[in-house]
Amino acid sequence: MAVSAKRRRDASANRDARQTWTERLKQARLPILLSALLVAATLAVYAQTWWFGYVLIDDPIEVSGNPRVQAGLTWHNVVWCFSSYFDGNWIPLTWLSLMLDTTVFGFRPSGYHFTNTLFHAANTILLFAFLLQTTDRPLRSACVAALFALHPLHVESVAWITERKDVLSVFFGLLALLPYARYARTGSLWSYAAGVLGFIASLLSKQTLVTLPCLLLLLDYWPLGRFHPLVDTGRIPLARLLAEKVPFLAVSAVFSVIAILAQGHGHGIKAFDTLPLTVRVENAFVVYSQYLSKTFIPQHLVVFYPHPGGQFAWPIVAGAATLIVAISAAAIGPFR
């Protein structure tokens, strides 16, 4: 009797487990299909780059004519990656990835292009996974990921070998967002630590994402819904959320200093007597507005946008500043 009852319980548990796996597979069917379509669309556009050559701007300096990269992955080169500035950059993980490509594929540019494409496809899936995890809206998440994958503004980062640092930095940045979202949901300190490590790896590839702590705070508002600035509904206090960002801010501060030192070493920083603070502020407004315009009307795209070097025409600055302020006011408006 006891043995028979145990068998019945085991059989019932096995049926429940099979039903659970079946339900999970049914739930995952749409995300898997959308992921496959996103990869297919990305490769349909960017696989042609596998037959491209080097770009004459920067590629001869950083890749094809860089003796370290062309020597492949060696112990001495690994030490060099972490101990040296080169061409105004300190990007050890980027150098390591390019050296690994040389070791695996040889000196042909197709290998570097192939890896850039794979990273961009991976970034598209990671973005889709993050949005799906935080919003539970598969179709909308896929549309955003598709825009990320296929927008012409990303061509430079994918089709230009030198811009490996962009796709690699974004790859690790997204790998930081996924565990952070898990931490926000579960409170797991392991997930939090994984987020910090992903952030460090992103900055070891390129220091662009030093603003990630600010992005995390925005994500706490939406889509994570961890706080509202004016409505107290039992959510996490803003002070605690700010305290959570201290390790990320500390990492940002360290890598910001490293970026300044590297750019200074490469003579990439202009003195204030060459570019006054007023010109830099004007340039910030103008550049942000130009980014927005090219997002909606992606034309006249080039790899190099020279700074005009002097004062901008005041109507251009006024228009750009008005646009940025208006968009900011519209975003802040719901808080009131």
C-alpha atoms as a PDB file:
ATOM      1  CA  MET A   1       0.000   0.000   0.000  1.00  0.00           C
ATOM      2  CA  ALA A   2       2.726   2.463   1.014  1.00  0.00           C
ATOM      3  CA  VAL A   3       4.791   1.603  -2.086  1.00  0.00           C
ATOM      4  CA  SER A   4       1.757   2.035  -4.341  1.00  0.00           C
ATOM      5  CA  ALA A   5       0.950   5.431  -2.797  1.00  0.00           C
ATOM      6  CA  LYS A   6       4.537   6.555  -3.255  1.00  0.00           C
ATOM      7  CA  ARG A   7       4.456   5.530  -6.925  1.00  0.00           C
ATOM      8  CA  ARG A   8       1.256   7.489  -7.437  1.00  0.00           C
ATOM      9  CA  ARG A   9       2.818  10.574  -5.818  1.00  0.00           C
ATOM     10  CA  ASP A  10       5.942  10.202  -7.971  1.00  0.00           C
ATOM     11  CA  ALA A  11       3.853   9.802 -11.113  1.00  0.00           C
ATOM     12  CA  SER A  12       1.806  12.876 -10.210  1.00  0.00           C
ATOM     13  CA  ALA A  13       4.978  14.886  -9.569  1.00  0.00           C
ATOM     14  CA  ASN A  14       6.408  13.785 -12.922  1.00  0.00           C
ATOM     15  CA  ARG A  15       3.201  14.844 -14.698  1.00  0.00           C
ATOM     16  CA  ASP A  16       3.310  18.229 -12.976  1.00  0.00           C
ATOM     17  CA  ALA A  17       6.959  18.666 -13.978  1.00  0.00           C
ATOM     18  CA  ARG A  18       6.181  17.771 -17.601  1.00  0.00           C
ATOM     19  CA  GLN A  19       3.271  20.216 -17.623  1.00  0.00           C
ATOM     20  CA  THR A  20       5.503  22.926 -16.184  1.00  0.00           C
ATOM     21  CA  TRP A  21       8.161  22.393 -18.867  1.00  0.00           C
ATOM     22  CA  THR A  22       5.461  22.294 -21.557  1.00  0.00           C
ATOM     23  CA  GLU A  23       4.026  25.574 -20.325  1.00  0.00           C
ATOM     24  CA  ARG A  24       7.468  27.139 -20.230  1.00  0.00           C
ATOM     25  CA  LEU A  25       8.189  26.029 -23.780  1.00  0.00           C
ATOM     26  CA  LYS A  26       4.866  27.462 -24.960  1.00  0.00           C
ATOM     27  CA  GLN A  27       5.644  30.761 -23.210  1.00  0.00           C
ATOM     28  CA  ALA A  28       9.148  30.838 -24.691  1.00  0.00           C
ATOM     29  CA  ARG A  29       8.020  30.016 -28.230  1.00  0.00           C
ATOM     30  CA  LEU A  30       7.297  33.621 -29.227  1.00  0.00           C
ATOM     31  CA  PRO A  31      10.484  35.123 -27.696  1.00  0.00           C
ATOM     32  CA  ILE A  32      12.589  32.411 -29.369  1.00  0.00           C
ATOM     33  CA  LEU A  33      10.936  33.101 -32.718  1.00  0.00           C
ATOM     34  CA  LEU A  34      11.414  36.859 -32.354  1.00  0.00           C
ATOM     35  CA  SER A  35      15.053  36.367 -31.346  1.00  0.00           C
ATOM     36  CA  ALA A  36      15.663  34.245 -34.444  1.00  0.00           C
ATOM     37  CA  LEU A  37      14.060  36.895 -36.659  1.00  0.00           C
ATOM     38  CA  LEU A  38      16.183  39.628 -35.067  1.00  0.00           C
ATOM     39  CA  VAL A  39      19.393  37.667 -35.671  1.00  0.00           C
ATOM     40  CA  ALA A  40      18.351  36.888 -39.243  1.00  0.00           C
ATOM     41  CA  ALA A  41      17.573  40.547 -39.970  1.00  0.00           C
ATOM     42  CA  THR A  42      20.876  41.696 -38.458  1.00  0.00           C
ATOM     43  CA  LEU A  43      22.887  39.198 -40.482  1.00  0.00           C
ATOM     44  CA  ALA A  44      20.918  39.994 -43.654  1.00  0.00           C
ATOM     45  CA  VAL A  45      22.119  43.595 -43.401  1.00  0.00           C
ATOM     46  CA  TYR A  46      25.623  43.193 -41.979  1.00  0.00           C
ATOM     47  CA  ALA A  47      26.889  39.886 -43.362  1.00  0.00           C
ATOM     48  CA  GLN A  48      28.047  41.802 -46.435  1.00  0.00           C
ATOM     49  CA  THR A  49      30.713  43.469 -44.281  1.00  0.00           C
ATOM     50  CA  TRP A  50      32.547  40.127 -44.052  1.00  0.00           C
ATOM     51  CA  TRP A  51      33.924  40.887 -47.522  1.00  0.00           C
ATOM     52  CA  PHE A  52      34.819  44.511 -46.736  1.00  0.00           C
ATOM     53  CA  GLY A  53      38.382  45.703 -46.257  1.00  0.00           C
ATOM     54  CA  TYR A  54      39.982  48.196 -43.905  1.00  0.00           C
ATOM     55  CA  VAL A  55      38.841  51.817 -43.627  1.00  0.00           C
ATOM     56  CA  LEU A  56      41.643  54.293 -44.286  1.00  0.00           C
ATOM     57  CA  ILE A  57      40.718  56.303 -41.179  1.00  0.00           C
ATOM     58  CA  ASP A  58      42.154  54.768 -37.977  1.00  0.00           C
ATOM     59  CA  ASP A  59      42.149  51.125 -39.141  1.00  0.00           C
ATOM     60  CA  PRO A  60      45.804  51.342 -40.303  1.00  0.00           C
ATOM     61  CA  ILE A  61      46.766  52.840 -36.929  1.00  0.00           C
ATOM     62  CA  GLU A  62      44.775  50.630 -34.590  1.00  0.00           C
ATOM     63  CA  VAL A  63      44.442  47.338 -36.484  1.00  0.00           C
ATOM     64  CA  SER A  64      46.178  46.602 -39.790  1.00  0.00           C
ATOM     65  CA  GLY A  65      49.295  48.644 -38.937  1.00  0.00           C
ATOM     66  CA  ASN A  66      49.285  47.992 -35.191  1.00  0.00           C
ATOM     67  CA  PRO A  67      52.154  45.539 -34.560  1.00  0.00           C
ATOM     68  CA  ARG A  68      50.600  44.425 -31.259  1.00  0.00           C
ATOM     69  CA  VAL A  69      47.265  43.495 -32.831  1.00  0.00           C
ATOM     70  CA  GLN A  70      48.949  41.895 -35.836  1.00  0.00           C
ATOM     71  CA  ALA A  71      51.145  39.773 -33.548  1.00  0.00           C
ATOM     72  CA  GLY A  72      48.050  38.102 -32.130  1.00  0.00           C
ATOM     73  CA  LEU A  73      47.337  37.001 -28.584  1.00  0.00           C
ATOM     74  CA  THR A  74      50.571  36.568 -26.632  1.00  0.00           C
ATOM     75  CA  TRP A  75      51.482  37.017 -22.984  1.00  0.00           C
ATOM     76  CA  HIS A  76      53.544  40.128 -23.735  1.00  0.00           C
ATOM     77  CA  ASN A  77      50.660  41.628 -25.674  1.00  0.00           C
ATOM     78  CA  VAL A  78      48.253  40.905 -22.819  1.00  0.00           C
ATOM     79  CA  VAL A  79      50.543  42.835 -20.469  1.00  0.00           C
ATOM     80  CA  TRP A  80      50.750  45.664 -23.016  1.00  0.00           C
ATOM     81  CA  CYS A  81      46.937  45.890 -23.233  1.00  0.00           C
ATOM     82  CA  PHE A  82      46.635  46.688 -19.532  1.00  0.00           C
ATOM     83  CA  SER A  83      49.809  48.732 -19.070  1.00  0.00           C
ATOM     84  CA  SER A  84      49.882  51.104 -22.051  1.00  0.00           C
ATOM     85  CA  TYR A  85      47.986  53.965 -23.613  1.00  0.00           C
ATOM     86  CA  PHE A  86      47.712  53.789 -27.398  1.00  0.00           C
ATOM     87  CA  ASP A  87      46.294  56.372 -29.798  1.00  0.00           C
ATOM     88  CA  GLY A  88      44.678  58.251 -26.915  1.00  0.00           C
ATOM     89  CA  ASN A  89      42.891  55.174 -25.556  1.00  0.00           C
ATOM     90  CA  TRP A  90      43.127  52.680 -22.714  1.00  0.00           C
ATOM     91  CA  ILE A  91      40.841  49.859 -23.888  1.00  0.00           C
ATOM     92  CA  PRO A  92      42.465  46.571 -22.879  1.00  0.00           C
ATOM     93  CA  LEU A  93      39.507  44.269 -23.576  1.00  0.00           C
ATOM     94  CA  THR A  94      39.092  45.740 -27.052  1.00  0.00           C
ATOM     95  CA  TRP A  95      42.756  45.119 -27.854  1.00  0.00           C
ATOM     96  CA  LEU A  96      42.480  41.579 -26.515  1.00  0.00           C
ATOM     97  CA  SER A  97      39.453  40.842 -28.695  1.00  0.00           C
ATOM     98  CA  LEU A  98      41.231  42.147 -31.818  1.00  0.00           C
ATOM     99  CA  MET A  99      44.347  40.128 -30.980  1.00  0.00           C
ATOM    100  CA  LEU A 100      42.222  37.019 -30.536  1.00  0.00           C
ATOM    101  CA  ASP A 101      40.712  37.625 -33.973  1.00  0.00           C
ATOM    102  CA  THR A 102      44.216  37.794 -35.453  1.00  0.00           C
ATOM    103  CA  THR A 103      45.153  34.544 -33.759  1.00  0.00           C
ATOM    104  CA  VAL A 104      42.000  32.776 -34.981  1.00  0.00           C
ATOM    105  CA  PHE A 105      41.434  34.320 -38.433  1.00  0.00           C
ATOM    106  CA  GLY A 106      44.836  35.695 -39.409  1.00  0.00           C
ATOM    107  CA  PHE A 107      45.460  39.145 -40.851  1.00  0.00           C
ATOM    108  CA  ARG A 108      42.450  39.242 -43.182  1.00  0.00           C
ATOM    109  CA  PRO A 109      39.929  42.015 -42.415  1.00  0.00           C
ATOM    110  CA  SER A 110      37.037  39.580 -42.847  1.00  0.00           C
ATOM    111  CA  GLY A 111      37.712  38.031 -39.428  1.00  0.00           C
ATOM    112  CA  TYR A 112      37.443  41.352 -37.607  1.00  0.00           C
ATOM    113  CA  HIS A 113      34.267  42.245 -39.532  1.00  0.00           C
ATOM    114  CA  PHE A 114      32.788  38.831 -38.729  1.00  0.00           C
ATOM    115  CA  THR A 115      33.323  39.343 -34.992  1.00  0.00           C
ATOM    116  CA  ASN A 116      31.901  42.878 -35.076  1.00  0.00           C
ATOM    117  CA  THR A 117      28.743  41.512 -36.689  1.00  0.00           C
ATOM    118  CA  LEU A 118      28.403  38.734 -34.135  1.00  0.00           C
ATOM    119  CA  PHE A 119      28.719  41.208 -31.265  1.00  0.00           C
ATOM    120  CA  HIS A 120      26.075  43.464 -32.819  1.00  0.00           C
ATOM    121  CA  ALA A 121      23.702  40.508 -33.231  1.00  0.00           C
ATOM    122  CA  ALA A 122      24.378  39.484 -29.620  1.00  0.00           C
ATOM    123  CA  ASN A 123      23.734  43.056 -28.445  1.00  0.00           C
ATOM    124  CA  THR A 124      20.406  43.049 -30.263  1.00  0.00           C
ATOM    125  CA  ILE A 125      19.319  39.863 -28.487  1.00  0.00           C
ATOM    126  CA  LEU A 126      20.565  41.117 -25.117  1.00  0.00           C
ATOM    127  CA  LEU A 127      18.578  44.340 -25.536  1.00  0.00           C
ATOM    128  CA  PHE A 128      15.497  42.337 -26.487  1.00  0.00           C
ATOM    129  CA  ALA A 129      15.983  40.070 -23.464  1.00  0.00           C
ATOM    130  CA  PHE A 130      16.349  43.032 -21.108  1.00  0.00           C
ATOM    131  CA  LEU A 131      13.251  44.788 -22.418  1.00  0.00           C
ATOM    132  CA  LEU A 132      11.249  41.567 -22.360  1.00  0.00           C
ATOM    133  CA  GLN A 133      12.386  40.819 -18.808  1.00  0.00           C
ATOM    134  CA  THR A 134      11.446  44.278 -17.544  1.00  0.00           C
ATOM    135  CA  THR A 135       8.258  45.009 -19.525  1.00  0.00           C
ATOM    136  CA  ASP A 136       6.866  41.563 -20.462  1.00  0.00           C
ATOM    137  CA  ARG A 137       5.908  42.980 -23.862  1.00  0.00           C
ATOM    138  CA  PRO A 138       7.552  40.711 -26.467  1.00  0.00           C
ATOM    139  CA  LEU A 139       6.361  42.453 -29.639  1.00  0.00           C
ATOM    140  CA  ARG A 140       7.165  45.964 -28.449  1.00  0.00           C
ATOM    141  CA  SER A 141      10.527  44.803 -27.114  1.00  0.00           C
ATOM    142  CA  ALA A 142      11.317  43.172 -30.456  1.00  0.00           C
ATOM    143  CA  CYS A 143      10.441  46.371 -32.326  1.00  0.00           C
ATOM    144  CA  VAL A 144      12.834  48.408 -30.177  1.00  0.00           C
ATOM    145  CA  ALA A 145      15.557  45.779 -30.595  1.00  0.00           C
ATOM    146  CA  ALA A 146      14.999  45.770 -34.378  1.00  0.00           C
ATOM    147  CA  LEU A 147      15.379  49.539 -34.482  1.00  0.00           C
ATOM    148  CA  PHE A 148      18.614  49.185 -32.527  1.00  0.00           C
ATOM    149  CA  ALA A 149      19.864  46.470 -34.883  1.00  0.00           C
ATOM    150  CA  LEU A 150      19.046  48.120 -38.210  1.00  0.00           C
ATOM    151  CA  HIS A 151      19.209  51.867 -37.658  1.00  0.00           C
ATOM    152  CA  PRO A 152      21.758  53.501 -40.001  1.00  0.00           C
ATOM    153  CA  LEU A 153      23.418  55.283 -37.063  1.00  0.00           C
ATOM    154  CA  HIS A 154      24.866  51.927 -36.021  1.00  0.00           C
ATOM    155  CA  VAL A 155      26.543  51.200 -39.337  1.00  0.00           C
ATOM    156  CA  GLU A 156      29.705  53.017 -38.298  1.00  0.00           C
ATOM    157  CA  SER A 157      30.115  50.970 -35.123  1.00  0.00           C
ATOM    158  CA  VAL A 158      29.594  47.629 -36.868  1.00  0.00           C
ATOM    159  CA  ALA A 159      31.150  48.063 -40.325  1.00  0.00           C
ATOM    160  CA  TRP A 160      34.262  49.890 -39.118  1.00  0.00           C
ATOM    161  CA  ILE A 161      36.800  47.546 -37.529  1.00  0.00           C
ATOM    162  CA  THR A 162      38.263  50.307 -35.352  1.00  0.00           C
ATOM    163  CA  GLU A 163      34.882  50.703 -33.681  1.00  0.00           C
ATOM    164  CA  ARG A 164      35.094  47.249 -32.118  1.00  0.00           C
ATOM    165  CA  LYS A 165      35.294  49.186 -28.873  1.00  0.00           C
ATOM    166  CA  ASP A 166      31.707  50.386 -29.376  1.00  0.00           C
ATOM    167  CA  VAL A 167      30.055  47.008 -29.949  1.00  0.00           C
ATOM    168  CA  LEU A 168      32.148  45.396 -27.211  1.00  0.00           C
ATOM    169  CA  SER A 169      31.403  48.140 -24.681  1.00  0.00           C
ATOM    170  CA  VAL A 170      27.672  47.894 -25.390  1.00  0.00           C
ATOM    171  CA  PHE A 171      27.855  44.089 -25.113  1.00  0.00           C
ATOM    172  CA  PHE A 172      29.193  44.234 -21.561  1.00  0.00           C
ATOM    173  CA  GLY A 173      26.952  47.192 -20.706  1.00  0.00           C
ATOM    174  CA  LEU A 174      23.881  45.141 -21.579  1.00  0.00           C
ATOM    175  CA  LEU A 175      25.326  42.239 -19.600  1.00  0.00           C
ATOM    176  CA  ALA A 176      25.373  44.663 -16.658  1.00  0.00           C
ATOM    177  CA  LEU A 177      21.733  45.667 -17.144  1.00  0.00           C
ATOM    178  CA  LEU A 178      20.349  42.132 -17.143  1.00  0.00           C
ATOM    179  CA  PRO A 179      21.626  41.122 -13.678  1.00  0.00           C
ATOM    180  CA  TYR A 180      20.736  44.586 -12.349  1.00  0.00           C
ATOM    181  CA  ALA A 181      17.141  43.985 -13.418  1.00  0.00           C
ATOM    182  CA  ARG A 182      17.275  40.612 -11.670  1.00  0.00           C
ATOM    183  CA  TYR A 183      18.662  42.287  -8.542  1.00  0.00           C
ATOM    184  CA  ALA A 184      15.858  44.852  -8.633  1.00  0.00           C
ATOM    185  CA  ARG A 185      13.330  42.003  -8.733  1.00  0.00           C
ATOM    186  CA  THR A 186      14.901  39.569  -6.259  1.00  0.00           C
ATOM    187  CA  GLY A 187      17.393  41.555  -4.160  1.00  0.00           C
ATOM    188  CA  SER A 188      20.148  39.037  -4.982  1.00  0.00           C
ATOM    189  CA  LEU A 189      23.560  40.436  -4.083  1.00  0.00           C
ATOM    190  CA  TRP A 190      25.146  38.030  -6.569  1.00  0.00           C
ATOM    191  CA  SER A 191      23.120  39.669  -9.331  1.00  0.00           C
ATOM    192  CA  TYR A 192      24.188  43.094  -8.084  1.00  0.00           C
ATOM    193  CA  ALA A 193      27.854  42.041  -8.128  1.00  0.00           C
ATOM    194  CA  ALA A 194      27.426  40.626 -11.643  1.00  0.00           C
ATOM    195  CA  GLY A 195      26.050  43.995 -12.730  1.00  0.00           C
ATOM    196  CA  VAL A 196      29.081  45.816 -11.334  1.00  0.00           C
ATOM    197  CA  LEU A 197      31.463  43.361 -13.024  1.00  0.00           C
ATOM    198  CA  GLY A 198      29.668  43.807 -16.345  1.00  0.00           C
ATOM    199  CA  PHE A 199      29.974  47.566 -15.951  1.00  0.00           C
ATOM    200  CA  ILE A 200      33.720  47.301 -15.303  1.00  0.00           C
ATOM    201  CA  ALA A 201      34.153  45.090 -18.373  1.00  0.00           C
ATOM    202  CA  SER A 202      32.234  47.632 -20.458  1.00  0.00           C
ATOM    203  CA  LEU A 203      34.567  50.434 -19.366  1.00  0.00           C
ATOM    204  CA  LEU A 204      37.596  48.223 -20.011  1.00  0.00           C
ATOM    205  CA  SER A 205      36.364  48.128 -23.611  1.00  0.00           C
ATOM    206  CA  LYS A 206      35.607  51.853 -23.905  1.00  0.00           C
ATOM    207  CA  GLN A 207      34.829  54.518 -21.328  1.00  0.00           C
ATOM    208  CA  THR A 208      31.686  55.844 -23.009  1.00  0.00           C
ATOM    209  CA  LEU A 209      29.267  54.183 -20.578  1.00  0.00           C
ATOM    210  CA  VAL A 210      30.523  56.047 -17.496  1.00  0.00           C
ATOM    211  CA  THR A 211      26.985  57.506 -17.411  1.00  0.00           C
ATOM    212  CA  LEU A 212      25.473  54.066 -16.716  1.00  0.00           C
ATOM    213  CA  PRO A 213      24.687  54.890 -13.028  1.00  0.00           C
ATOM    214  CA  CYS A 214      22.379  57.677 -14.240  1.00  0.00           C
ATOM    215  CA  LEU A 215      20.732  55.250 -16.660  1.00  0.00           C
ATOM    216  CA  LEU A 216      20.194  52.760 -13.818  1.00  0.00           C
ATOM    217  CA  LEU A 217      18.388  55.431 -11.814  1.00  0.00           C
ATOM    218  CA  LEU A 218      16.135  56.167 -14.793  1.00  0.00           C
ATOM    219  CA  LEU A 219      15.454  52.447 -15.184  1.00  0.00           C
ATOM    220  CA  ASP A 220      14.476  52.316 -11.508  1.00  0.00           C
ATOM    221  CA  TYR A 221      11.646  54.693 -12.401  1.00  0.00           C
ATOM    222  CA  TRP A 222      10.721  52.934 -15.646  1.00  0.00           C
ATOM    223  CA  PRO A 223      10.399  50.123 -16.486  1.00  0.00           C
ATOM    224  CA  LEU A 224      11.489  48.633 -13.153  1.00  0.00           C
ATOM    225  CA  GLY A 225       8.973  50.759 -11.223  1.00  0.00           C
ATOM    226  CA  ARG A 226      11.039  50.884  -8.052  1.00  0.00           C
ATOM    227  CA  PHE A 227      10.107  54.449  -7.132  1.00  0.00           C
ATOM    228  CA  HIS A 228       8.045  57.476  -8.112  1.00  0.00           C
ATOM    229  CA  PRO A 229       9.433  60.898  -7.217  1.00  0.00           C
ATOM    230  CA  LEU A 230       6.137  62.306  -5.918  1.00  0.00           C
ATOM    231  CA  VAL A 231       3.917  59.349  -5.068  1.00  0.00           C
ATOM    232  CA  ASP A 232       4.653  57.302  -1.947  1.00  0.00           C
ATOM    233  CA  THR A 233       3.207  53.882  -2.641  1.00  0.00           C
ATOM    234  CA  GLY A 234       5.527  51.808  -0.502  1.00  0.00           C
ATOM    235  CA  ARG A 235       8.258  51.716  -3.123  1.00  0.00           C
ATOM    236  CA  ILE A 236      11.956  51.930  -2.351  1.00  0.00           C
ATOM    237  CA  PRO A 237      13.074  55.338  -0.995  1.00  0.00           C
ATOM    238  CA  LEU A 238      15.137  57.439  -3.376  1.00  0.00           C
ATOM    239  CA  ALA A 239      17.943  57.672  -0.811  1.00  0.00           C
ATOM    240  CA  ARG A 240      18.400  53.908  -0.876  1.00  0.00           C
ATOM    241  CA  LEU A 241      18.376  53.839  -4.668  1.00  0.00           C
ATOM    242  CA  LEU A 242      21.067  56.511  -4.725  1.00  0.00           C
ATOM    243  CA  ALA A 243      23.114  54.547  -2.183  1.00  0.00           C
ATOM    244  CA  GLU A 244      22.889  51.485  -4.447  1.00  0.00           C
ATOM    245  CA  LYS A 245      24.559  53.481  -7.195  1.00  0.00           C
ATOM    246  CA  VAL A 246      27.624  54.431  -5.112  1.00  0.00           C
ATOM    247  CA  PRO A 247      29.759  51.450  -6.274  1.00  0.00           C
ATOM    248  CA  PHE A 248      28.798  52.170  -9.885  1.00  0.00           C
ATOM    249  CA  LEU A 249      29.627  55.869  -9.411  1.00  0.00           C
ATOM    250  CA  ALA A 250      32.980  54.979  -7.893  1.00  0.00           C
ATOM    251  CA  VAL A 251      33.802  52.812 -10.910  1.00  0.00           C
ATOM    252  CA  SER A 252      32.696  55.653 -13.213  1.00  0.00           C
ATOM    253  CA  ALA A 253      34.954  58.127 -11.407  1.00  0.00           C
ATOM    254  CA  VAL A 254      38.009  55.876 -11.722  1.00  0.00           C
ATOM    255  CA  PHE A 255      37.495  55.205 -15.416  1.00  0.00           C
ATOM    256  CA  SER A 256      36.702  58.863 -16.136  1.00  0.00           C
ATOM    257  CA  VAL A 257      40.117  59.779 -14.773  1.00  0.00           C
ATOM    258  CA  ILE A 258      41.691  57.016 -16.860  1.00  0.00           C
ATOM    259  CA  ALA A 259      39.949  58.316 -19.997  1.00  0.00           C
ATOM    260  CA  ILE A 260      41.170  61.866 -19.343  1.00  0.00           C
ATOM    261  CA  LEU A 261      44.734  60.651 -18.825  1.00  0.00           C
ATOM    262  CA  ALA A 262      44.598  58.524 -21.981  1.00  0.00           C
ATOM    263  CA  GLN A 263      43.178  61.349 -24.082  1.00  0.00           C
ATOM    264  CA  GLY A 264      45.755  63.737 -22.675  1.00  0.00           C
ATOM    265  CA  HIS A 265      48.505  61.265 -23.524  1.00  0.00           C
ATOM    266  CA  GLY A 266      47.188  61.164 -27.103  1.00  0.00           C
ATOM    267  CA  HIS A 267      46.840  64.975 -27.273  1.00  0.00           C
ATOM    268  CA  GLY A 268      43.098  64.603 -27.666  1.00  0.00           C
ATOM    269  CA  ILE A 269      42.129  67.282 -25.125  1.00  0.00           C
ATOM    270  CA  LYS A 270      42.039  70.901 -26.225  1.00  0.00           C
ATOM    271  CA  ALA A 271      42.960  73.676 -23.781  1.00  0.00           C
ATOM    272  CA  PHE A 272      40.341  76.228 -22.774  1.00  0.00           C
ATOM    273  CA  ASP A 273      42.216  78.973 -24.585  1.00  0.00           C
ATOM    274  CA  THR A 274      41.699  76.945 -27.785  1.00  0.00           C
ATOM    275  CA  LEU A 275      38.089  75.925 -27.113  1.00  0.00           C
ATOM    276  CA  PRO A 276      36.481  78.134 -24.425  1.00  0.00           C
ATOM    277  CA  LEU A 277      33.835  76.746 -22.084  1.00  0.00           C
ATOM    278  CA  THR A 278      31.091  78.707 -23.859  1.00  0.00           C
ATOM    279  CA  VAL A 279      31.948  77.029 -27.174  1.00  0.00           C
ATOM    280  CA  ARG A 280      31.924  73.602 -25.501  1.00  0.00           C
ATOM    281  CA  VAL A 281      28.460  74.213 -24.012  1.00  0.00           C
ATOM    282  CA  GLU A 282      27.151  75.457 -27.350  1.00  0.00           C
ATOM    283  CA  ASN A 283      28.621  72.393 -29.033  1.00  0.00           C
ATOM    284  CA  ALA A 284      26.866  70.098 -26.540  1.00  0.00           C
ATOM    285  CA  PHE A 285      23.434  71.530 -27.390  1.00  0.00           C
ATOM    286  CA  VAL A 286      24.098  71.465 -31.131  1.00  0.00           C
ATOM    287  CA  VAL A 287      25.489  67.907 -31.144  1.00  0.00           C
ATOM    288  CA  TYR A 288      22.576  66.495 -29.112  1.00  0.00           C
ATOM    289  CA  SER A 289      20.069  68.103 -31.482  1.00  0.00           C
ATOM    290  CA  GLN A 290      21.992  66.743 -34.475  1.00  0.00           C
ATOM    291  CA  TYR A 291      21.920  63.253 -32.974  1.00  0.00           C
ATOM    292  CA  LEU A 292      18.150  63.549 -32.628  1.00  0.00           C
ATOM    293  CA  SER A 293      17.736  64.798 -36.182  1.00  0.00           C
ATOM    294  CA  LYS A 294      19.841  61.930 -37.576  1.00  0.00           C
ATOM    295  CA  THR A 295      17.833  59.470 -35.507  1.00  0.00           C
ATOM    296  CA  PHE A 296      14.674  60.437 -37.370  1.00  0.00           C
ATOM    297  CA  ILE A 297      16.279  61.486 -40.677  1.00  0.00           C
ATOM    298  CA  PRO A 298      19.510  59.481 -41.001  1.00  0.00           C
ATOM    299  CA  GLN A 299      21.225  61.320 -43.831  1.00  0.00           C
ATOM    300  CA  HIS A 300      24.671  62.877 -44.406  1.00  0.00           C
ATOM    301  CA  LEU A 301      26.287  60.266 -42.160  1.00  0.00           C
ATOM    302  CA  VAL A 302      30.094  60.214 -42.141  1.00  0.00           C
ATOM    303  CA  VAL A 303      32.797  58.762 -39.894  1.00  0.00           C
ATOM    304  CA  PHE A 304      34.249  62.148 -38.988  1.00  0.00           C
ATOM    305  CA  TYR A 305      32.410  65.325 -38.003  1.00  0.00           C
ATOM    306  CA  PRO A 306      35.025  68.077 -37.591  1.00  0.00           C
ATOM    307  CA  HIS A 307      34.427  70.658 -34.882  1.00  0.00           C
ATOM    308  CA  PRO A 308      33.832  74.109 -36.411  1.00  0.00           C
ATOM    309  CA  GLY A 309      36.438  75.448 -33.987  1.00  0.00           C
ATOM    310  CA  GLY A 310      34.769  78.797 -33.320  1.00  0.00           C
ATOM    311  CA  GLN A 311      31.511  80.298 -32.149  1.00  0.00           C
ATOM    312  CA  PHE A 312      28.313  78.766 -33.488  1.00  0.00           C
ATOM    313  CA  ALA A 313      25.717  80.988 -35.122  1.00  0.00           C
ATOM    314  CA  TRP A 314      23.358  82.095 -32.350  1.00  0.00           C
ATOM    315  CA  PRO A 315      20.135  80.975 -34.129  1.00  0.00           C
ATOM    316  CA  ILE A 316      21.536  77.428 -34.357  1.00  0.00           C
ATOM    317  CA  VAL A 317      22.490  77.367 -30.673  1.00  0.00           C
ATOM    318  CA  ALA A 318      19.180  78.924 -29.591  1.00  0.00           C
ATOM    319  CA  GLY A 319      17.174  76.445 -31.634  1.00  0.00           C
ATOM    320  CA  ALA A 320      19.147  73.463 -30.337  1.00  0.00           C
ATOM    321  CA  ALA A 321      18.916  74.640 -26.717  1.00  0.00           C
ATOM    322  CA  THR A 322      15.168  75.249 -27.044  1.00  0.00           C
ATOM    323  CA  LEU A 323      14.681  71.750 -28.432  1.00  0.00           C
ATOM    324  CA  ILE A 324      16.652  70.079 -25.635  1.00  0.00           C
ATOM    325  CA  VAL A 325      14.912  72.115 -22.909  1.00  0.00           C
ATOM    326  CA  ALA A 326      11.468  71.403 -24.402  1.00  0.00           C
ATOM    327  CA  ILE A 327      12.121  67.639 -24.544  1.00  0.00           C
ATOM    328  CA  SER A 328      13.434  67.695 -20.954  1.00  0.00           C
ATOM    329  CA  ALA A 329      10.362  69.609 -19.761  1.00  0.00           C
ATOM    330  CA  ALA A 330       8.067  67.126 -21.499  1.00  0.00           C
ATOM    331  CA  ALA A 331       9.887  64.250 -19.798  1.00  0.00           C
ATOM    332  CA  ILE A 332       9.743  65.902 -16.353  1.00  0.00           C
ATOM    333  CA  GLY A 333       6.114  66.948 -16.815  1.00  0.00           C
ATOM    334  CA  PRO A 334       4.597  63.606 -15.684  1.00  0.00           C
ATOM    335  CA  PHE A 335       6.374  64.011 -12.320  1.00  0.00           C
ATOM    336  CA  ARG A 336       4.243  67.026 -11.456  1.00  0.00           C
END
